[in-house]
Every structure is written in C-alpha cells, then in structure tokens.
Amino acid sequence: MHTWDLARATGQDERLDPDKCAQLLEGMLPLDDVLRKSGQFGPRTEVPDDVDVQTRLLAFIGRHP
C-alpha cells in the first residue's frame, strides 16, 4: 500500500502486482474488524463489484483509488 501511496503522490505508475493484491486482500478480509479497530485503516471506500483486485484492496483499506 505504501508503494501505491508514494507512486500516486509522485505521479509515477500506480499499478501493483495483481497476485499480491489478491493475496493481501484474501488475508485481510477476515480481519476486517480488528484492522478497523486498530486505527491504522480508515473506513472502506465503496467501489463497484466489477473493479479490479487492486482497486478492491485499496478501497478495503480506506484509500480512494
């Protein structure tokens, strides 16, 4: 996620590895409540169901892709 943050802030390529995004999202979904309560992640951002896995991951952690 920090790679995406830095790329976006500096105008560079924001694409992340789709397989890594899928792995991260799969591992984080069951921890939704724990992650939100930690204060390290904002509320989910709503995105359409048909978006790519990178967009789903970013939305899950509270970014606005």
Protein backbone atom coordinates (compact mmCIF):
# COMPACT_ATOMS: atom_id res chain seq x y z
CA MET A 1 0.00 0.00 0.00
CA HIS A 2 2.84 2.38 0.70
CA THR A 3 4.14 1.74 -2.81
CA TRP A 4 0.79 2.90 -4.18
CA ASP A 5 0.74 5.94 -1.87
CA LEU A 6 4.20 7.02 -2.94
CA ALA A 7 3.58 6.39 -6.63
CA ARG A 8 0.37 8.40 -6.53
CA ALA A 9 1.99 11.26 -4.62
CA THR A 10 4.90 11.48 -7.04
CA GLY A 11 2.99 10.92 -10.28
CA GLN A 12 4.51 7.51 -11.00
CA ASP A 13 3.00 4.23 -12.17
CA GLU A 14 0.49 3.15 -9.50
CA ARG A 15 -0.05 -0.39 -10.72
CA LEU A 16 0.54 -3.11 -8.14
CA ASP A 17 1.04 -6.82 -8.75
CA PRO A 18 -2.46 -8.30 -9.07
CA ASP A 19 -1.48 -11.62 -7.49
CA LYS A 20 0.00 -9.87 -4.46
CA CYS A 21 -3.10 -7.65 -4.18
CA ALA A 22 -5.33 -10.75 -4.24
CA GLN A 23 -3.22 -12.46 -1.55
CA LEU A 24 -3.27 -9.39 0.68
CA LEU A 25 -6.99 -8.85 0.30
CA GLU A 26 -7.78 -12.51 0.96
CA GLY A 27 -5.70 -12.41 4.15
CA MET A 28 -7.10 -9.10 5.36
CA LEU A 29 -10.82 -9.67 4.76
CA PRO A 30 -11.29 -11.99 7.77
CA LEU A 31 -9.55 -9.39 9.97
CA ASP A 32 -11.81 -6.51 8.97
CA ASP A 33 -13.00 -5.62 12.49
CA VAL A 34 -9.52 -5.95 14.02
CA LEU A 35 -7.98 -3.76 11.33
CA ARG A 36 -10.62 -1.04 11.70
CA LYS A 37 -10.33 -1.02 15.49
CA SER A 38 -6.53 -0.68 15.27
CA GLY A 39 -6.92 2.82 13.85
CA GLN A 40 -4.42 2.08 11.11
CA PHE A 41 -7.08 1.80 8.41
CA GLY A 42 -9.95 4.10 7.58
CA PRO A 43 -13.44 3.01 6.68
CA ARG A 44 -13.88 1.06 3.47
CA THR A 45 -14.43 3.05 0.31
CA GLU A 46 -17.37 1.87 -1.76
CA VAL A 47 -16.48 0.65 -5.25
CA PRO A 48 -18.47 -1.27 -7.89
CA ASP A 49 -18.34 -5.07 -7.74
CA ASP A 50 -16.64 -5.34 -11.12
CA VAL A 51 -13.45 -3.38 -10.32
CA ASP A 52 -10.01 -4.97 -10.45
CA VAL A 53 -8.39 -6.54 -7.39
CA GLN A 54 -6.03 -3.60 -6.81
CA THR A 55 -8.97 -1.21 -6.60
CA ARG A 56 -10.82 -3.59 -4.24
CA LEU A 57 -7.75 -3.82 -1.99
CA LEU A 58 -7.23 -0.06 -1.91
CA ALA A 59 -10.91 0.52 -1.19
CA PHE A 60 -10.81 -2.09 1.59
CA ILE A 61 -8.03 -0.23 3.39
CA GLY A 62 -9.80 3.11 3.02
CA ARG A 63 -7.97 4.64 0.09
CA HIS A 64 -9.80 6.49 -2.68
CA PRO A 65 -8.39 4.91 -5.83
